[in-house]
Amino acid sequence: MKDVMLVTGAGQISMAIARRIGYGKKIVLGDKNIHNARIIAETMNNAGFDVEPFEMDLSSRSSILEMFEFARSFGDIAYLINGAGVSPSQAPIEAILKVDLYGTAVLLEEVGKVIKEGGVGVTISSQSGHRMKQLTSQEDELLATTPTEELLNLDMLQVENIHDTLHAYQLAKRCNEKRVMFESVRWGQKGARINSISPGIIVTPLAVDEFNGPRGDFYKNMFAKCPAGRPGTADEVANVAELIMSDKGAFITGSDFLIDGGATASYFYGPLKPEK
């Protein structure tokens, strides 16, 4: 029996992190698109990893639990890499909230119940959660602590109170960061850790959809005018994930790491600052 690494979202960032720290472990790769999961599993298995693809819908608690049951047939769940989600150009408001917000909250909750002592997880959030208008402390607490099955009933998450899909995405990512803080307390009771990473513009198929979407010029301008002057790569996200999921990051939990080439700093204090 091996330690099991759950990986949700068969994308470039998930694969980069799994390749960095998944050697010697049983990797169960879940994605709603089983075709994508099989392609990445084959790529990794041909490189010497041990990966099993699994069809999993992050917006469904029962689907998440089915993945757990499958994974636990190989050993104890000791690692989580959550890279699943949809972008503002890929889905309507309701789907973004159901997948990115509710689904991530359920996943963190359920993994926390079964994670092995000493286990560690990371969920991929987004710079978007850092750039939206600040919420009140009460609103942040509601996003952090509301029971998962009641989250989508919050007034702030009703469609009539959400401007567009980008606003929905920003709310979902803010919720991700707050849920990580909330769940880190519960994971800590089992001797386990959970953190989030908020990437900026990372070149992935999802990012390419955004470049070619209605906000394409906005995103291209963002990385052109950020301090780094370029978009990032999935391997640069994996660099940070490797640190916080290793023993060197043993004192880090309940935290979010912004990796955006300085775009958020430029948005507040530099050339990306919106005109009033």
C-alpha atoms as a PDB file:
ATOM      1  CA  MET A   1       0.000   0.000   0.000  1.00  0.00           C
ATOM      2  CA  LYS A   2       1.267   3.458  -0.927  1.00  0.00           C
ATOM      3  CA  ASP A   3       0.385   6.922   0.326  1.00  0.00           C
ATOM      4  CA  VAL A   4      -2.276   8.272  -2.012  1.00  0.00           C
ATOM      5  CA  MET A   5      -2.172  11.689  -3.639  1.00  0.00           C
ATOM      6  CA  LEU A   6      -5.544  13.033  -4.756  1.00  0.00           C
ATOM      7  CA  VAL A   7      -5.274  15.347  -7.741  1.00  0.00           C
ATOM      8  CA  THR A   8      -8.398  17.103  -8.976  1.00  0.00           C
ATOM      9  CA  GLY A   9      -8.390  18.918 -12.286  1.00  0.00           C
ATOM     10  CA  ALA A  10      -6.446  17.410 -15.166  1.00  0.00           C
ATOM     11  CA  GLY A  11      -4.687  20.622 -16.102  1.00  0.00           C
ATOM     12  CA  GLN A  12      -1.171  21.953 -16.504  1.00  0.00           C
ATOM     13  CA  ILE A  13      -0.802  23.333 -12.972  1.00  0.00           C
ATOM     14  CA  SER A  14      -2.091  20.149 -11.322  1.00  0.00           C
ATOM     15  CA  MET A  15       0.224  18.041 -13.455  1.00  0.00           C
ATOM     16  CA  ALA A  16       3.250  20.261 -12.788  1.00  0.00           C
ATOM     17  CA  ILE A  17       2.770  19.954  -9.012  1.00  0.00           C
ATOM     18  CA  ALA A  18       2.045  16.225  -9.164  1.00  0.00           C
ATOM     19  CA  ARG A  19       5.171  15.602 -11.225  1.00  0.00           C
ATOM     20  CA  ARG A  20       7.244  17.583  -8.752  1.00  0.00           C
ATOM     21  CA  ILE A  21       6.181  15.662  -5.621  1.00  0.00           C
ATOM     22  CA  GLY A  22       4.203  12.609  -6.777  1.00  0.00           C
ATOM     23  CA  TYR A  23       7.023  10.128  -7.320  1.00  0.00           C
ATOM     24  CA  GLY A  24       6.708   6.988  -5.202  1.00  0.00           C
ATOM     25  CA  LYS A  25       3.063   7.730  -4.465  1.00  0.00           C
ATOM     26  CA  LYS A  26      -0.205   6.429  -5.863  1.00  0.00           C
ATOM     27  CA  ILE A  27      -1.795   9.314  -7.714  1.00  0.00           C
ATOM     28  CA  VAL A  28      -5.545   9.329  -8.321  1.00  0.00           C
ATOM     29  CA  LEU A  29      -6.360  11.972 -10.920  1.00  0.00           C
ATOM     30  CA  GLY A  30      -9.965  13.137 -11.027  1.00  0.00           C
ATOM     31  CA  ASP A  31     -11.555  15.284 -13.686  1.00  0.00           C
ATOM     32  CA  LYS A  32     -15.054  15.754 -15.072  1.00  0.00           C
ATOM     33  CA  ASN A  33     -13.567  15.163 -18.533  1.00  0.00           C
ATOM     34  CA  ILE A  34     -12.241  11.612 -18.229  1.00  0.00           C
ATOM     35  CA  HIS A  35     -10.566  11.954 -21.628  1.00  0.00           C
ATOM     36  CA  ASN A  36      -8.327  14.728 -20.283  1.00  0.00           C
ATOM     37  CA  ALA A  37      -7.590  12.713 -17.144  1.00  0.00           C
ATOM     38  CA  ARG A  38      -6.569   9.692 -19.193  1.00  0.00           C
ATOM     39  CA  ILE A  39      -4.249  11.754 -21.406  1.00  0.00           C
ATOM     40  CA  ILE A  40      -2.404  13.255 -18.423  1.00  0.00           C
ATOM     41  CA  ALA A  41      -2.340   9.896 -16.632  1.00  0.00           C
ATOM     42  CA  GLU A  42      -0.766   8.293 -19.693  1.00  0.00           C
ATOM     43  CA  THR A  43       1.794  11.107 -19.983  1.00  0.00           C
ATOM     44  CA  MET A  44       2.790  10.742 -16.343  1.00  0.00           C
ATOM     45  CA  ASN A  45       2.777   6.945 -16.329  1.00  0.00           C
ATOM     46  CA  ASN A  46       5.080   6.968 -19.352  1.00  0.00           C
ATOM     47  CA  ALA A  47       7.428   9.119 -17.246  1.00  0.00           C
ATOM     48  CA  GLY A  48       7.504   6.574 -14.403  1.00  0.00           C
ATOM     49  CA  PHE A  49       4.652   7.778 -12.174  1.00  0.00           C
ATOM     50  CA  ASP A  50       1.756   5.656 -10.908  1.00  0.00           C
ATOM     51  CA  VAL A  51      -1.462   7.410 -11.913  1.00  0.00           C
ATOM     52  CA  GLU A  52      -5.067   6.223 -12.064  1.00  0.00           C
ATOM     53  CA  PRO A  53      -7.566   8.465 -13.893  1.00  0.00           C
ATOM     54  CA  PHE A  54     -11.055   8.841 -12.424  1.00  0.00           C
ATOM     55  CA  GLU A  55     -14.172  10.641 -13.650  1.00  0.00           C
ATOM     56  CA  MET A  56     -15.083  13.165 -10.952  1.00  0.00           C
ATOM     57  CA  ASP A  57     -17.372  16.206 -10.856  1.00  0.00           C
ATOM     58  CA  LEU A  58     -16.139  18.768  -8.305  1.00  0.00           C
ATOM     59  CA  SER A  59     -19.620  20.287  -8.036  1.00  0.00           C
ATOM     60  CA  SER A  60     -21.032  17.009  -6.675  1.00  0.00           C
ATOM     61  CA  ARG A  61     -20.370  15.800  -3.117  1.00  0.00           C
ATOM     62  CA  SER A  62     -21.353  12.246  -4.065  1.00  0.00           C
ATOM     63  CA  SER A  63     -18.896  12.272  -6.957  1.00  0.00           C
ATOM     64  CA  ILE A  64     -16.127  13.516  -4.652  1.00  0.00           C
ATOM     65  CA  LEU A  65     -16.887  10.739  -2.160  1.00  0.00           C
ATOM     66  CA  GLU A  66     -16.844   8.129  -4.938  1.00  0.00           C
ATOM     67  CA  MET A  67     -13.340   9.297  -5.832  1.00  0.00           C
ATOM     68  CA  PHE A  68     -12.320   8.949  -2.165  1.00  0.00           C
ATOM     69  CA  GLU A  69     -13.642   5.390  -2.035  1.00  0.00           C
ATOM     70  CA  PHE A  70     -11.673   4.519  -5.156  1.00  0.00           C
ATOM     71  CA  ALA A  71      -8.519   6.218  -3.871  1.00  0.00           C
ATOM     72  CA  ARG A  72      -8.613   4.557  -0.455  1.00  0.00           C
ATOM     73  CA  SER A  73      -8.519   1.128  -2.092  1.00  0.00           C
ATOM     74  CA  PHE A  74      -4.847   1.903  -2.809  1.00  0.00           C
ATOM     75  CA  GLY A  75      -3.836   3.260   0.613  1.00  0.00           C
ATOM     76  CA  ASP A  76      -4.226   6.220   2.943  1.00  0.00           C
ATOM     77  CA  ILE A  77      -5.019   9.634   1.476  1.00  0.00           C
ATOM     78  CA  ALA A  78      -2.015  11.738   2.442  1.00  0.00           C
ATOM     79  CA  TYR A  79      -1.917  14.526  -0.175  1.00  0.00           C
ATOM     80  CA  LEU A  80      -4.360  16.767  -1.999  1.00  0.00           C
ATOM     81  CA  ILE A  81      -3.710  18.919  -5.056  1.00  0.00           C
ATOM     82  CA  ASN A  82      -6.863  20.709  -6.148  1.00  0.00           C
ATOM     83  CA  GLY A  83      -6.533  22.402  -9.505  1.00  0.00           C
ATOM     84  CA  ALA A  84     -10.098  21.899 -10.709  1.00  0.00           C
ATOM     85  CA  GLY A  85     -12.261  24.826 -11.706  1.00  0.00           C
ATOM     86  CA  VAL A  86     -13.733  26.908 -14.503  1.00  0.00           C
ATOM     87  CA  SER A  87     -12.822  30.414 -15.647  1.00  0.00           C
ATOM     88  CA  PRO A  88     -15.014  33.496 -16.236  1.00  0.00           C
ATOM     89  CA  SER A  89     -14.966  32.890 -19.982  1.00  0.00           C
ATOM     90  CA  GLN A  90     -15.809  29.205 -19.708  1.00  0.00           C
ATOM     91  CA  ALA A  91     -19.006  29.119 -17.681  1.00  0.00           C
ATOM     92  CA  PRO A  92     -22.029  31.110 -16.466  1.00  0.00           C
ATOM     93  CA  ILE A  93     -22.281  32.598 -12.973  1.00  0.00           C
ATOM     94  CA  GLU A  94     -24.158  29.636 -11.495  1.00  0.00           C
ATOM     95  CA  ALA A  95     -21.602  27.098 -12.712  1.00  0.00           C
ATOM     96  CA  ILE A  96     -18.651  29.138 -11.424  1.00  0.00           C
ATOM     97  CA  LEU A  97     -20.218  29.308  -7.965  1.00  0.00           C
ATOM     98  CA  LYS A  98     -21.160  25.610  -7.968  1.00  0.00           C
ATOM     99  CA  VAL A  99     -17.719  24.387  -9.067  1.00  0.00           C
ATOM    100  CA  ASP A 100     -15.112  26.907  -7.906  1.00  0.00           C
ATOM    101  CA  LEU A 101     -16.822  28.015  -4.680  1.00  0.00           C
ATOM    102  CA  TYR A 102     -19.099  25.231  -3.411  1.00  0.00           C
ATOM    103  CA  GLY A 103     -17.128  22.332  -4.893  1.00  0.00           C
ATOM    104  CA  THR A 104     -13.813  23.492  -3.470  1.00  0.00           C
ATOM    105  CA  ALA A 105     -15.392  24.031  -0.031  1.00  0.00           C
ATOM    106  CA  VAL A 106     -16.844  20.517  -0.066  1.00  0.00           C
ATOM    107  CA  LEU A 107     -13.559  19.003  -1.215  1.00  0.00           C
ATOM    108  CA  LEU A 108     -11.549  20.681   1.550  1.00  0.00           C
ATOM    109  CA  GLU A 109     -14.150  19.635   4.111  1.00  0.00           C
ATOM    110  CA  GLU A 110     -14.303  16.002   3.021  1.00  0.00           C
ATOM    111  CA  VAL A 111     -10.552  15.533   2.574  1.00  0.00           C
ATOM    112  CA  GLY A 112     -10.077  16.969   6.048  1.00  0.00           C
ATOM    113  CA  LYS A 113     -12.156  14.094   7.415  1.00  0.00           C
ATOM    114  CA  VAL A 114      -9.964  11.379   5.888  1.00  0.00           C
ATOM    115  CA  ILE A 115      -6.497  12.937   5.493  1.00  0.00           C
ATOM    116  CA  LYS A 116      -3.699  10.915   7.036  1.00  0.00           C
ATOM    117  CA  GLU A 117      -1.858  12.331  10.043  1.00  0.00           C
ATOM    118  CA  GLY A 118       0.976  14.445   8.705  1.00  0.00           C
ATOM    119  CA  GLY A 119      -0.851  14.890   5.415  1.00  0.00           C
ATOM    120  CA  VAL A 120      -0.809  18.091   3.396  1.00  0.00           C
ATOM    121  CA  GLY A 121      -2.875  19.741   0.707  1.00  0.00           C
ATOM    122  CA  VAL A 122      -2.891  22.716  -1.630  1.00  0.00           C
ATOM    123  CA  THR A 123      -5.774  24.226  -3.547  1.00  0.00           C
ATOM    124  CA  ILE A 124      -5.308  26.540  -6.508  1.00  0.00           C
ATOM    125  CA  SER A 125      -7.140  29.827  -6.041  1.00  0.00           C
ATOM    126  CA  SER A 126      -6.473  32.989  -8.078  1.00  0.00           C
ATOM    127  CA  GLN A 127      -5.175  36.543  -7.955  1.00  0.00           C
ATOM    128  CA  SER A 128      -8.813  37.517  -8.627  1.00  0.00           C
ATOM    129  CA  GLY A 129      -9.636  36.946  -4.982  1.00  0.00           C
ATOM    130  CA  HIS A 130      -7.095  39.630  -4.053  1.00  0.00           C
ATOM    131  CA  ARG A 131      -8.243  42.260  -6.518  1.00  0.00           C
ATOM    132  CA  MET A 132     -11.954  42.514  -5.856  1.00  0.00           C
ATOM    133  CA  LYS A 133     -13.367  45.168  -3.541  1.00  0.00           C
ATOM    134  CA  GLN A 134     -12.712  44.289   0.087  1.00  0.00           C
ATOM    135  CA  LEU A 135     -15.576  42.522   1.833  1.00  0.00           C
ATOM    136  CA  THR A 136     -16.692  43.273   5.361  1.00  0.00           C
ATOM    137  CA  SER A 137     -15.323  41.109   8.157  1.00  0.00           C
ATOM    138  CA  GLN A 138     -18.797  39.613   8.538  1.00  0.00           C
ATOM    139  CA  GLU A 139     -18.961  38.707   4.832  1.00  0.00           C
ATOM    140  CA  ASP A 140     -15.501  37.118   5.002  1.00  0.00           C
ATOM    141  CA  GLU A 141     -16.560  35.120   8.037  1.00  0.00           C
ATOM    142  CA  LEU A 142     -19.689  33.913   6.260  1.00  0.00           C
ATOM    143  CA  LEU A 143     -17.602  32.710   3.307  1.00  0.00           C
ATOM    144  CA  ALA A 144     -15.210  30.980   5.708  1.00  0.00           C
ATOM    145  CA  THR A 145     -17.583  29.300   8.121  1.00  0.00           C
ATOM    146  CA  THR A 146     -21.032  28.833   6.561  1.00  0.00           C
ATOM    147  CA  PRO A 147     -21.889  25.100   6.346  1.00  0.00           C
ATOM    148  CA  THR A 148     -21.087  23.936   2.831  1.00  0.00           C
ATOM    149  CA  GLU A 149     -24.655  22.998   1.937  1.00  0.00           C
ATOM    150  CA  GLU A 150     -25.806  26.509   2.889  1.00  0.00           C
ATOM    151  CA  LEU A 151     -23.060  28.476   1.112  1.00  0.00           C
ATOM    152  CA  LEU A 152     -24.918  29.064  -2.131  1.00  0.00           C
ATOM    153  CA  ASN A 153     -27.874  30.450  -0.171  1.00  0.00           C
ATOM    154  CA  LEU A 154     -25.867  33.460   1.060  1.00  0.00           C
ATOM    155  CA  ASP A 155     -27.330  36.793  -0.101  1.00  0.00           C
ATOM    156  CA  MET A 156     -24.010  37.935  -1.556  1.00  0.00           C
ATOM    157  CA  LEU A 157     -23.940  34.848  -3.796  1.00  0.00           C
ATOM    158  CA  GLN A 158     -27.368  35.336  -5.357  1.00  0.00           C
ATOM    159  CA  VAL A 159     -27.236  35.940  -9.108  1.00  0.00           C
ATOM    160  CA  GLU A 160     -29.025  39.284  -8.829  1.00  0.00           C
ATOM    161  CA  ASN A 161     -26.222  40.523  -6.551  1.00  0.00           C
ATOM    162  CA  ILE A 162     -23.389  39.441  -8.875  1.00  0.00           C
ATOM    163  CA  HIS A 163     -22.351  41.778 -11.686  1.00  0.00           C
ATOM    164  CA  ASP A 164     -20.913  39.260 -14.146  1.00  0.00           C
ATOM    165  CA  THR A 165     -18.909  36.045 -14.412  1.00  0.00           C
ATOM    166  CA  LEU A 166     -15.675  37.786 -13.383  1.00  0.00           C
ATOM    167  CA  HIS A 167     -17.328  39.010 -10.176  1.00  0.00           C
ATOM    168  CA  ALA A 168     -18.594  35.470  -9.510  1.00  0.00           C
ATOM    169  CA  TYR A 169     -15.076  34.138 -10.041  1.00  0.00           C
ATOM    170  CA  GLN A 170     -13.604  36.744  -7.688  1.00  0.00           C
ATOM    171  CA  LEU A 171     -16.108  35.807  -4.982  1.00  0.00           C
ATOM    172  CA  ALA A 172     -15.345  32.114  -5.480  1.00  0.00           C
ATOM    173  CA  LYS A 173     -11.614  32.670  -5.113  1.00  0.00           C
ATOM    174  CA  ARG A 174     -12.041  34.897  -2.068  1.00  0.00           C
ATOM    175  CA  CYS A 175     -14.123  32.083  -0.585  1.00  0.00           C
ATOM    176  CA  ASN A 176     -11.354  29.568  -1.413  1.00  0.00           C
ATOM    177  CA  GLU A 177      -8.848  31.558   0.629  1.00  0.00           C
ATOM    178  CA  LYS A 178     -11.223  31.920   3.579  1.00  0.00           C
ATOM    179  CA  ARG A 179     -12.218  28.245   3.519  1.00  0.00           C
ATOM    180  CA  VAL A 180      -8.535  27.265   3.595  1.00  0.00           C
ATOM    181  CA  MET A 181      -8.105  29.310   6.764  1.00  0.00           C
ATOM    182  CA  PHE A 182     -11.226  27.775   8.317  1.00  0.00           C
ATOM    183  CA  GLU A 183     -10.373  24.206   7.313  1.00  0.00           C
ATOM    184  CA  SER A 184      -6.721  24.507   8.376  1.00  0.00           C
ATOM    185  CA  VAL A 185      -7.938  24.552  11.989  1.00  0.00           C
ATOM    186  CA  ARG A 186      -9.790  21.282  11.447  1.00  0.00           C
ATOM    187  CA  TRP A 187      -7.000  19.689   9.442  1.00  0.00           C
ATOM    188  CA  GLY A 188      -4.613  20.697  12.215  1.00  0.00           C
ATOM    189  CA  GLN A 189      -6.556  18.557  14.676  1.00  0.00           C
ATOM    190  CA  LYS A 190      -5.371  15.592  12.588  1.00  0.00           C
ATOM    191  CA  GLY A 191      -1.818  16.852  12.305  1.00  0.00           C
ATOM    192  CA  ALA A 192      -2.381  17.837   8.678  1.00  0.00           C
ATOM    193  CA  ARG A 193      -1.872  21.106   6.759  1.00  0.00           C
ATOM    194  CA  ILE A 194      -3.763  22.898   3.983  1.00  0.00           C
ATOM    195  CA  ASN A 195      -2.781  26.041   2.040  1.00  0.00           C
ATOM    196  CA  SER A 196      -3.787  27.812  -1.148  1.00  0.00           C
ATOM    197  CA  ILE A 197      -1.891  29.331  -4.041  1.00  0.00           C
ATOM    198  CA  SER A 198      -3.294  32.292  -5.985  1.00  0.00           C
ATOM    199  CA  PRO A 199      -1.632  32.400  -9.406  1.00  0.00           C
ATOM    200  CA  GLY A 200      -1.784  35.344 -11.751  1.00  0.00           C
ATOM    201  CA  ILE A 201      -1.603  34.865 -15.509  1.00  0.00           C
ATOM    202  CA  ILE A 202      -0.146  31.390 -16.008  1.00  0.00           C
ATOM    203  CA  VAL A 203       0.102  30.049 -19.542  1.00  0.00           C
ATOM    204  CA  THR A 204      -2.326  27.109 -19.628  1.00  0.00           C
ATOM    205  CA  PRO A 205      -5.192  26.153 -21.961  1.00  0.00           C
ATOM    206  CA  LEU A 206      -7.549  27.935 -19.529  1.00  0.00           C
ATOM    207  CA  ALA A 207      -5.477  31.115 -19.805  1.00  0.00           C
ATOM    208  CA  VAL A 208      -5.492  30.852 -23.593  1.00  0.00           C
ATOM    209  CA  ASP A 209      -9.312  30.765 -23.420  1.00  0.00           C
ATOM    210  CA  GLU A 210      -9.147  33.989 -21.446  1.00  0.00           C
ATOM    211  CA  PHE A 211      -6.673  35.589 -23.894  1.00  0.00           C
ATOM    212  CA  ASN A 212      -9.136  34.852 -26.695  1.00  0.00           C
ATOM    213  CA  GLY A 213     -12.213  35.761 -24.643  1.00  0.00           C
ATOM    214  CA  PRO A 214     -14.013  39.065 -24.090  1.00  0.00           C
ATOM    215  CA  ARG A 215     -11.373  40.225 -21.576  1.00  0.00           C
ATOM    216  CA  GLY A 216      -8.399  39.102 -23.659  1.00  0.00           C
ATOM    217  CA  ASP A 217      -6.899  42.565 -24.096  1.00  0.00           C
ATOM    218  CA  PHE A 218      -7.273  43.209 -20.357  1.00  0.00           C
ATOM    219  CA  TYR A 219      -5.304  40.074 -19.482  1.00  0.00           C
ATOM    220  CA  LYS A 220      -2.597  40.701 -22.056  1.00  0.00           C
ATOM    221  CA  ASN A 221      -2.200  44.239 -20.727  1.00  0.00           C
ATOM    222  CA  MET A 222      -2.023  42.855 -17.206  1.00  0.00           C
ATOM    223  CA  PHE A 223       1.075  40.750 -17.720  1.00  0.00           C
ATOM    224  CA  ALA A 224       2.670  43.337 -20.004  1.00  0.00           C
ATOM    225  CA  LYS A 225       2.459  46.011 -17.288  1.00  0.00           C
ATOM    226  CA  CYS A 226       3.165  43.900 -14.212  1.00  0.00           C
ATOM    227  CA  PRO A 227       6.661  44.153 -12.659  1.00  0.00           C
ATOM    228  CA  ALA A 228       7.669  40.767 -14.084  1.00  0.00           C
ATOM    229  CA  GLY A 229       6.600  41.853 -17.577  1.00  0.00           C
ATOM    230  CA  ARG A 230       5.456  38.371 -18.588  1.00  0.00           C
ATOM    231  CA  PRO A 231       3.000  35.620 -17.752  1.00  0.00           C
ATOM    232  CA  GLY A 232       4.082  32.784 -15.480  1.00  0.00           C
ATOM    233  CA  THR A 233       4.444  29.065 -16.041  1.00  0.00           C
ATOM    234  CA  ALA A 234       2.881  26.088 -14.311  1.00  0.00           C
ATOM    235  CA  ASP A 235       6.327  24.999 -13.124  1.00  0.00           C
ATOM    236  CA  GLU A 236       6.752  28.270 -11.250  1.00  0.00           C
ATOM    237  CA  VAL A 237       3.539  27.514  -9.363  1.00  0.00           C
ATOM    238  CA  ALA A 238       4.897  24.031  -8.688  1.00  0.00           C
ATOM    239  CA  ASN A 239       8.041  25.599  -7.175  1.00  0.00           C
ATOM    240  CA  VAL A 240       5.935  27.164  -4.429  1.00  0.00           C
ATOM    241  CA  ALA A 241       3.707  24.102  -4.011  1.00  0.00           C
ATOM    242  CA  GLU A 242       6.806  21.949  -3.545  1.00  0.00           C
ATOM    243  CA  LEU A 243       7.981  24.189  -0.715  1.00  0.00           C
ATOM    244  CA  ILE A 244       4.710  24.408   1.192  1.00  0.00           C
ATOM    245  CA  MET A 245       3.937  20.694   0.781  1.00  0.00           C
ATOM    246  CA  SER A 246       7.406  19.593   1.939  1.00  0.00           C
ATOM    247  CA  ASP A 247       8.892  19.359   5.411  1.00  0.00           C
ATOM    248  CA  LYS A 248      10.471  22.781   4.790  1.00  0.00           C
ATOM    249  CA  GLY A 249       6.940  24.189   4.912  1.00  0.00           C
ATOM    250  CA  ALA A 250       5.955  22.366   8.087  1.00  0.00           C
ATOM    251  CA  PHE A 251       5.071  25.612   9.894  1.00  0.00           C
ATOM    252  CA  ILE A 252       2.869  26.869   7.050  1.00  0.00           C
ATOM    253  CA  THR A 253      -0.866  26.201   7.107  1.00  0.00           C
ATOM    254  CA  GLY A 254      -4.021  28.217   6.535  1.00  0.00           C
ATOM    255  CA  SER A 255      -2.092  30.565   4.233  1.00  0.00           C
ATOM    256  CA  ASP A 256      -2.489  31.857   0.698  1.00  0.00           C
ATOM    257  CA  PHE A 257       0.454  32.530  -1.629  1.00  0.00           C
ATOM    258  CA  LEU A 258       0.013  35.148  -4.339  1.00  0.00           C
ATOM    259  CA  ILE A 259       2.120  34.312  -7.413  1.00  0.00           C
ATOM    260  CA  ASP A 260       1.274  36.892 -10.053  1.00  0.00           C
ATOM    261  CA  GLY A 261       4.483  38.605 -11.160  1.00  0.00           C
ATOM    262  CA  GLY A 262       3.422  41.660  -9.199  1.00  0.00           C
ATOM    263  CA  ALA A 263       0.210  42.227 -11.171  1.00  0.00           C
ATOM    264  CA  THR A 264      -1.872  42.803  -8.051  1.00  0.00           C
ATOM    265  CA  ALA A 265       0.696  45.288  -6.726  1.00  0.00           C
ATOM    266  CA  SER A 266       0.568  47.099 -10.057  1.00  0.00           C
ATOM    267  CA  TYR A 267      -3.241  47.068  -9.951  1.00  0.00           C
ATOM    268  CA  PHE A 268      -3.289  48.906  -6.621  1.00  0.00           C
ATOM    269  CA  TYR A 269      -0.137  51.023  -6.853  1.00  0.00           C
ATOM    270  CA  GLY A 270       1.176  50.993 -10.420  1.00  0.00           C
ATOM    271  CA  PRO A 271       0.265  51.345 -14.093  1.00  0.00           C
ATOM    272  CA  LEU A 272      -2.553  48.797 -13.875  1.00  0.00           C
ATOM    273  CA  LYS A 273      -4.446  50.937 -11.340  1.00  0.00           C
ATOM    274  CA  PRO A 274      -7.955  51.605 -12.705  1.00  0.00           C
ATOM    275  CA  GLU A 275      -8.809  55.204 -13.497  1.00  0.00           C
ATOM    276  CA  LYS A 276     -11.369  56.732 -11.177  1.00  0.00           C
END
